[in-house]
Amino acid sequence: MFLYIKYMVSLRCKMVVKEELNKLGLHFVNVDLGTIEILEDITDSQKERLRENLKKYGLELLDDKKKIIIEKIKSLIIEMIHYSDELPKVNYSDYISKKLGYDYTYLANTFSEVKGITIQQFIIMHKIERIKELLLYDELNLTEISYLLHYSSVSHLSNQFKKITGLTPSYYKKLKKKRLKNLEDL
């Protein structure tokens, strides 16, 4: 049996969910971002207790089909951009469609209808957040980051970064270093 959880976007969330499942005596096969596979059927009272317990941590057990699809899309994108060593070589639309087993047009229309933004905009927002992380870690240069995140060039990455944040990647990096230096002076 599968259960779907909204706002489950980190490894810490997965730990919380596993702990709550154990408290209820539910045996899980797999706990992924946004998805749980449990061995047994869940009773209504167990489901309600799980819903209440997860809510304390800002997580939401989903029942609505559209919301479940949206969470699957979001989890797949977050996992792909933030937790994978390498992004897929195929189009994101093909990748998402194949992974979720739905026609991409259906997924895109459902996502836009519910979220008010396109899947592509959601991907770009997460790529920008990933770029910010990588800039702050200071382990990769912009060329390496653009290659890692499948940008056609450093220029394309910089233009998209500036369009979303209002800053160039290098200026963003300087601001962060300046803030850290100011904190050290306190």
C-alpha atoms as a PDB file:
ATOM      1  CA  MET A   1       0.000   0.000   0.000  1.00  0.00           C
ATOM      2  CA  PHE A   2       1.256   3.474  -0.857  1.00  0.00           C
ATOM      3  CA  LEU A   3       0.764   6.670   1.148  1.00  0.00           C
ATOM      4  CA  TYR A   4       1.676  10.138  -0.063  1.00  0.00           C
ATOM      5  CA  ILE A   5       2.949  13.003   2.051  1.00  0.00           C
ATOM      6  CA  LYS A   6       3.108  16.694   1.236  1.00  0.00           C
ATOM      7  CA  TYR A   7       6.107  18.839   2.265  1.00  0.00           C
ATOM      8  CA  MET A   8       8.353  15.788   2.653  1.00  0.00           C
ATOM      9  CA  VAL A   9      11.429  17.249   0.986  1.00  0.00           C
ATOM     10  CA  SER A  10      14.476  16.293   3.038  1.00  0.00           C
ATOM     11  CA  LEU A  11      16.252  13.376   4.621  1.00  0.00           C
ATOM     12  CA  ARG A  12      15.194  14.699   8.035  1.00  0.00           C
ATOM     13  CA  CYS A  13      11.538  14.463   6.933  1.00  0.00           C
ATOM     14  CA  LYS A  14      12.115  10.839   5.945  1.00  0.00           C
ATOM     15  CA  MET A  15      13.520  10.115   9.426  1.00  0.00           C
ATOM     16  CA  VAL A  16      10.467  11.700  11.084  1.00  0.00           C
ATOM     17  CA  VAL A  17       8.081   9.660   8.918  1.00  0.00           C
ATOM     18  CA  LYS A  18       9.908   6.396   9.662  1.00  0.00           C
ATOM     19  CA  GLU A  19       9.752   7.146  13.378  1.00  0.00           C
ATOM     20  CA  GLU A  20       6.003   7.864  13.216  1.00  0.00           C
ATOM     21  CA  LEU A  21       5.364   4.664  11.236  1.00  0.00           C
ATOM     22  CA  ASN A  22       7.288   2.665  13.842  1.00  0.00           C
ATOM     23  CA  LYS A  23       5.243   4.250  16.660  1.00  0.00           C
ATOM     24  CA  LEU A  24       2.065   3.033  14.940  1.00  0.00           C
ATOM     25  CA  GLY A  25       3.499  -0.450  14.390  1.00  0.00           C
ATOM     26  CA  LEU A  26       3.406  -0.078  10.605  1.00  0.00           C
ATOM     27  CA  HIS A  27       6.069  -1.892   8.599  1.00  0.00           C
ATOM     28  CA  PHE A  28       7.400   0.021   5.633  1.00  0.00           C
ATOM     29  CA  VAL A  29       9.148  -1.309   2.572  1.00  0.00           C
ATOM     30  CA  ASN A  30      10.339   2.069   1.374  1.00  0.00           C
ATOM     31  CA  VAL A  31      10.196   5.695   2.486  1.00  0.00           C
ATOM     32  CA  ASP A  32      11.062   8.131  -0.294  1.00  0.00           C
ATOM     33  CA  LEU A  33      10.546  11.845  -0.617  1.00  0.00           C
ATOM     34  CA  GLY A  34       6.773  12.211  -0.676  1.00  0.00           C
ATOM     35  CA  THR A  35       6.011   8.477  -0.851  1.00  0.00           C
ATOM     36  CA  ILE A  36       5.746   5.629   1.643  1.00  0.00           C
ATOM     37  CA  GLU A  37       5.229   1.981   0.778  1.00  0.00           C
ATOM     38  CA  ILE A  38       3.913  -0.054   3.702  1.00  0.00           C
ATOM     39  CA  LEU A  39       3.419  -3.808   3.890  1.00  0.00           C
ATOM     40  CA  GLU A  40       0.000  -3.970   5.516  1.00  0.00           C
ATOM     41  CA  ASP A  41      -3.268  -2.175   4.974  1.00  0.00           C
ATOM     42  CA  ILE A  42      -3.675   0.797   7.266  1.00  0.00           C
ATOM     43  CA  THR A  43      -6.804   1.170   9.379  1.00  0.00           C
ATOM     44  CA  ASP A  44      -8.767   4.411   9.421  1.00  0.00           C
ATOM     45  CA  SER A  45      -7.705   5.084  13.022  1.00  0.00           C
ATOM     46  CA  GLN A  46      -4.021   4.455  12.198  1.00  0.00           C
ATOM     47  CA  LYS A  47      -4.319   6.725   9.189  1.00  0.00           C
ATOM     48  CA  GLU A  48      -5.890   9.488  11.269  1.00  0.00           C
ATOM     49  CA  ARG A  49      -3.232   9.174  14.004  1.00  0.00           C
ATOM     50  CA  LEU A  50      -0.499   9.252  11.357  1.00  0.00           C
ATOM     51  CA  ARG A  51      -2.118  12.335   9.793  1.00  0.00           C
ATOM     52  CA  GLU A  52      -2.217  14.111  13.204  1.00  0.00           C
ATOM     53  CA  ASN A  53       1.340  13.101  14.148  1.00  0.00           C
ATOM     54  CA  LEU A  54       2.787  14.205  10.801  1.00  0.00           C
ATOM     55  CA  LYS A  55       0.949  17.533  11.022  1.00  0.00           C
ATOM     56  CA  LYS A  56       2.981  18.350  14.169  1.00  0.00           C
ATOM     57  CA  TYR A  57       6.085  18.313  11.957  1.00  0.00           C
ATOM     58  CA  GLY A  58       4.538  20.339   9.135  1.00  0.00           C
ATOM     59  CA  LEU A  59       3.865  17.277   6.974  1.00  0.00           C
ATOM     60  CA  GLU A  60       0.507  16.437   5.414  1.00  0.00           C
ATOM     61  CA  LEU A  61      -0.900  13.026   4.521  1.00  0.00           C
ATOM     62  CA  LEU A  62      -2.564  13.325   1.111  1.00  0.00           C
ATOM     63  CA  ASP A  63      -5.785  11.745  -0.194  1.00  0.00           C
ATOM     64  CA  ASP A  64      -6.657  13.893  -3.242  1.00  0.00           C
ATOM     65  CA  LYS A  65      -5.422  12.404  -6.557  1.00  0.00           C
ATOM     66  CA  LYS A  66      -4.288  15.729  -8.036  1.00  0.00           C
ATOM     67  CA  LYS A  67      -2.407  16.675  -4.877  1.00  0.00           C
ATOM     68  CA  ILE A  68      -0.718  13.273  -4.898  1.00  0.00           C
ATOM     69  CA  ILE A  69       0.422  13.759  -8.500  1.00  0.00           C
ATOM     70  CA  ILE A  70       1.716  17.255  -7.696  1.00  0.00           C
ATOM     71  CA  GLU A  71       3.693  15.951  -4.725  1.00  0.00           C
ATOM     72  CA  LYS A  72       5.146  13.152  -6.853  1.00  0.00           C
ATOM     73  CA  ILE A  73       6.281  15.707  -9.445  1.00  0.00           C
ATOM     74  CA  LYS A  74       7.753  18.017  -6.791  1.00  0.00           C
ATOM     75  CA  SER A  75       9.526  15.185  -4.978  1.00  0.00           C
ATOM     76  CA  LEU A  76      10.977  13.844  -8.221  1.00  0.00           C
ATOM     77  CA  ILE A  77      12.307  17.287  -9.193  1.00  0.00           C
ATOM     78  CA  ILE A  78      13.717  18.008  -5.727  1.00  0.00           C
ATOM     79  CA  GLU A  79      15.398  14.620  -5.582  1.00  0.00           C
ATOM     80  CA  MET A  80      16.732  15.030  -9.127  1.00  0.00           C
ATOM     81  CA  ILE A  81      18.210  18.502  -8.552  1.00  0.00           C
ATOM     82  CA  HIS A  82      19.257  18.453  -4.910  1.00  0.00           C
ATOM     83  CA  TYR A  83      20.099  14.836  -4.141  1.00  0.00           C
ATOM     84  CA  SER A  84      21.268  13.194  -7.380  1.00  0.00           C
ATOM     85  CA  ASP A  85      24.929  13.166  -8.319  1.00  0.00           C
ATOM     86  CA  GLU A  86      24.012  13.760 -11.934  1.00  0.00           C
ATOM     87  CA  LEU A  87      20.938  15.125 -13.668  1.00  0.00           C
ATOM     88  CA  PRO A  88      19.259  12.959 -16.322  1.00  0.00           C
ATOM     89  CA  LYS A  89      20.635  13.264 -19.853  1.00  0.00           C
ATOM     90  CA  VAL A  90      17.137  13.258 -21.409  1.00  0.00           C
ATOM     91  CA  ASN A  91      14.606  16.089 -21.470  1.00  0.00           C
ATOM     92  CA  TYR A  92      13.115  16.755 -18.049  1.00  0.00           C
ATOM     93  CA  SER A  93       9.661  16.306 -19.551  1.00  0.00           C
ATOM     94  CA  ASP A  94      10.545  12.819 -20.838  1.00  0.00           C
ATOM     95  CA  TYR A  95      12.223  11.918 -17.549  1.00  0.00           C
ATOM     96  CA  ILE A  96       9.283  13.039 -15.393  1.00  0.00           C
ATOM     97  CA  SER A  97       6.722  11.409 -17.687  1.00  0.00           C
ATOM     98  CA  LYS A  98       8.586   8.096 -17.740  1.00  0.00           C
ATOM     99  CA  LYS A  99       9.245   8.055 -13.964  1.00  0.00           C
ATOM    100  CA  LEU A 100       5.619   8.802 -13.067  1.00  0.00           C
ATOM    101  CA  GLY A 101       3.950   6.825 -15.845  1.00  0.00           C
ATOM    102  CA  TYR A 102       1.732   9.670 -17.080  1.00  0.00           C
ATOM    103  CA  ASP A 103       1.600  11.714 -20.265  1.00  0.00           C
ATOM    104  CA  TYR A 104       3.666  14.871 -19.737  1.00  0.00           C
ATOM    105  CA  THR A 105       0.913  17.173 -21.030  1.00  0.00           C
ATOM    106  CA  TYR A 106      -1.450  15.823 -18.362  1.00  0.00           C
ATOM    107  CA  LEU A 107       1.221  16.258 -15.666  1.00  0.00           C
ATOM    108  CA  ALA A 108       2.096  19.781 -16.839  1.00  0.00           C
ATOM    109  CA  ASN A 109      -1.542  20.902 -17.014  1.00  0.00           C
ATOM    110  CA  THR A 110      -2.352  19.438 -13.591  1.00  0.00           C
ATOM    111  CA  PHE A 111       0.752  21.007 -12.035  1.00  0.00           C
ATOM    112  CA  SER A 112       0.034  24.448 -13.530  1.00  0.00           C
ATOM    113  CA  GLU A 113      -3.628  24.290 -12.542  1.00  0.00           C
ATOM    114  CA  VAL A 114      -2.864  23.446  -8.911  1.00  0.00           C
ATOM    115  CA  LYS A 115       0.421  25.315  -8.312  1.00  0.00           C
ATOM    116  CA  GLY A 116      -0.066  28.352 -10.537  1.00  0.00           C
ATOM    117  CA  ILE A 117       3.389  27.917 -12.107  1.00  0.00           C
ATOM    118  CA  THR A 118       4.738  25.583 -14.762  1.00  0.00           C
ATOM    119  CA  ILE A 119       6.880  22.534 -14.071  1.00  0.00           C
ATOM    120  CA  GLN A 120       9.684  24.295 -15.948  1.00  0.00           C
ATOM    121  CA  GLN A 121       9.459  27.320 -13.633  1.00  0.00           C
ATOM    122  CA  PHE A 122       9.549  24.993 -10.616  1.00  0.00           C
ATOM    123  CA  ILE A 123      12.657  23.272 -12.017  1.00  0.00           C
ATOM    124  CA  ILE A 124      14.368  26.623 -12.641  1.00  0.00           C
ATOM    125  CA  MET A 125      13.602  27.812  -9.094  1.00  0.00           C
ATOM    126  CA  HIS A 126      15.160  24.663  -7.662  1.00  0.00           C
ATOM    127  CA  LYS A 127      18.157  24.851  -9.963  1.00  0.00           C
ATOM    128  CA  ILE A 128      18.762  28.418  -8.749  1.00  0.00           C
ATOM    129  CA  GLU A 129      18.548  27.245  -5.116  1.00  0.00           C
ATOM    130  CA  ARG A 130      21.039  24.478  -5.923  1.00  0.00           C
ATOM    131  CA  ILE A 131      23.366  27.014  -7.575  1.00  0.00           C
ATOM    132  CA  LYS A 132      23.196  29.145  -4.407  1.00  0.00           C
ATOM    133  CA  GLU A 133      24.178  26.120  -2.311  1.00  0.00           C
ATOM    134  CA  LEU A 134      27.051  25.232  -4.603  1.00  0.00           C
ATOM    135  CA  LEU A 135      28.303  28.828  -4.674  1.00  0.00           C
ATOM    136  CA  LEU A 136      28.331  28.966  -0.895  1.00  0.00           C
ATOM    137  CA  TYR A 137      30.164  25.635  -0.574  1.00  0.00           C
ATOM    138  CA  ASP A 138      32.815  27.158  -2.856  1.00  0.00           C
ATOM    139  CA  GLU A 139      33.931  23.729  -4.110  1.00  0.00           C
ATOM    140  CA  LEU A 140      32.988  24.228  -7.768  1.00  0.00           C
ATOM    141  CA  ASN A 141      33.488  27.148 -10.120  1.00  0.00           C
ATOM    142  CA  LEU A 142      30.674  28.490 -12.326  1.00  0.00           C
ATOM    143  CA  THR A 143      31.775  26.431 -15.324  1.00  0.00           C
ATOM    144  CA  GLU A 144      31.589  23.236 -13.267  1.00  0.00           C
ATOM    145  CA  ILE A 145      28.223  24.239 -11.791  1.00  0.00           C
ATOM    146  CA  SER A 146      26.781  25.016 -15.221  1.00  0.00           C
ATOM    147  CA  TYR A 147      27.977  21.626 -16.493  1.00  0.00           C
ATOM    148  CA  LEU A 148      26.622  19.794 -13.422  1.00  0.00           C
ATOM    149  CA  LEU A 149      23.165  21.384 -13.788  1.00  0.00           C
ATOM    150  CA  HIS A 150      23.050  20.996 -17.602  1.00  0.00           C
ATOM    151  CA  TYR A 151      23.192  24.654 -18.565  1.00  0.00           C
ATOM    152  CA  SER A 152      24.313  25.265 -22.135  1.00  0.00           C
ATOM    153  CA  SER A 153      26.864  27.823 -20.902  1.00  0.00           C
ATOM    154  CA  VAL A 154      27.998  29.864 -17.912  1.00  0.00           C
ATOM    155  CA  SER A 155      26.330  32.825 -19.585  1.00  0.00           C
ATOM    156  CA  HIS A 156      22.965  31.018 -19.653  1.00  0.00           C
ATOM    157  CA  LEU A 157      23.324  30.070 -15.972  1.00  0.00           C
ATOM    158  CA  SER A 158      24.301  33.656 -15.030  1.00  0.00           C
ATOM    159  CA  ASN A 159      21.417  35.189 -16.985  1.00  0.00           C
ATOM    160  CA  GLN A 160      18.870  32.840 -15.419  1.00  0.00           C
ATOM    161  CA  PHE A 161      20.347  33.374 -11.937  1.00  0.00           C
ATOM    162  CA  LYS A 162      20.166  37.165 -12.337  1.00  0.00           C
ATOM    163  CA  LYS A 163      16.626  37.007 -13.727  1.00  0.00           C
ATOM    164  CA  ILE A 164      15.428  35.067 -10.655  1.00  0.00           C
ATOM    165  CA  THR A 165      17.528  36.618  -7.863  1.00  0.00           C
ATOM    166  CA  GLY A 166      18.329  40.062  -9.258  1.00  0.00           C
ATOM    167  CA  LEU A 167      22.034  39.351  -8.630  1.00  0.00           C
ATOM    168  CA  THR A 168      24.855  37.866 -10.633  1.00  0.00           C
ATOM    169  CA  PRO A 169      26.269  34.620  -9.231  1.00  0.00           C
ATOM    170  CA  SER A 170      29.621  36.276  -8.454  1.00  0.00           C
ATOM    171  CA  TYR A 171      27.949  39.191  -6.652  1.00  0.00           C
ATOM    172  CA  TYR A 172      25.776  36.753  -4.673  1.00  0.00           C
ATOM    173  CA  LYS A 173      28.921  34.906  -3.597  1.00  0.00           C
ATOM    174  CA  LYS A 174      30.654  38.175  -2.592  1.00  0.00           C
ATOM    175  CA  LEU A 175      27.622  39.232  -0.526  1.00  0.00           C
ATOM    176  CA  LYS A 176      27.662  35.983   1.405  1.00  0.00           C
ATOM    177  CA  LYS A 177      31.408  36.265   2.099  1.00  0.00           C
ATOM    178  CA  LYS A 178      30.946  39.886   3.202  1.00  0.00           C
ATOM    179  CA  ARG A 179      28.120  38.882   5.586  1.00  0.00           C
ATOM    180  CA  LEU A 180      30.262  36.120   7.089  1.00  0.00           C
ATOM    181  CA  LYS A 181      33.197  38.525   7.515  1.00  0.00           C
ATOM    182  CA  ASN A 182      30.923  41.059   9.246  1.00  0.00           C
ATOM    183  CA  LEU A 183      29.710  38.351  11.638  1.00  0.00           C
ATOM    184  CA  GLU A 184      33.301  37.475  12.511  1.00  0.00           C
ATOM    185  CA  ASP A 185      33.973  41.131  13.404  1.00  0.00           C
ATOM    186  CA  LEU A 186      31.213  41.214  16.049  1.00  0.00           C
END
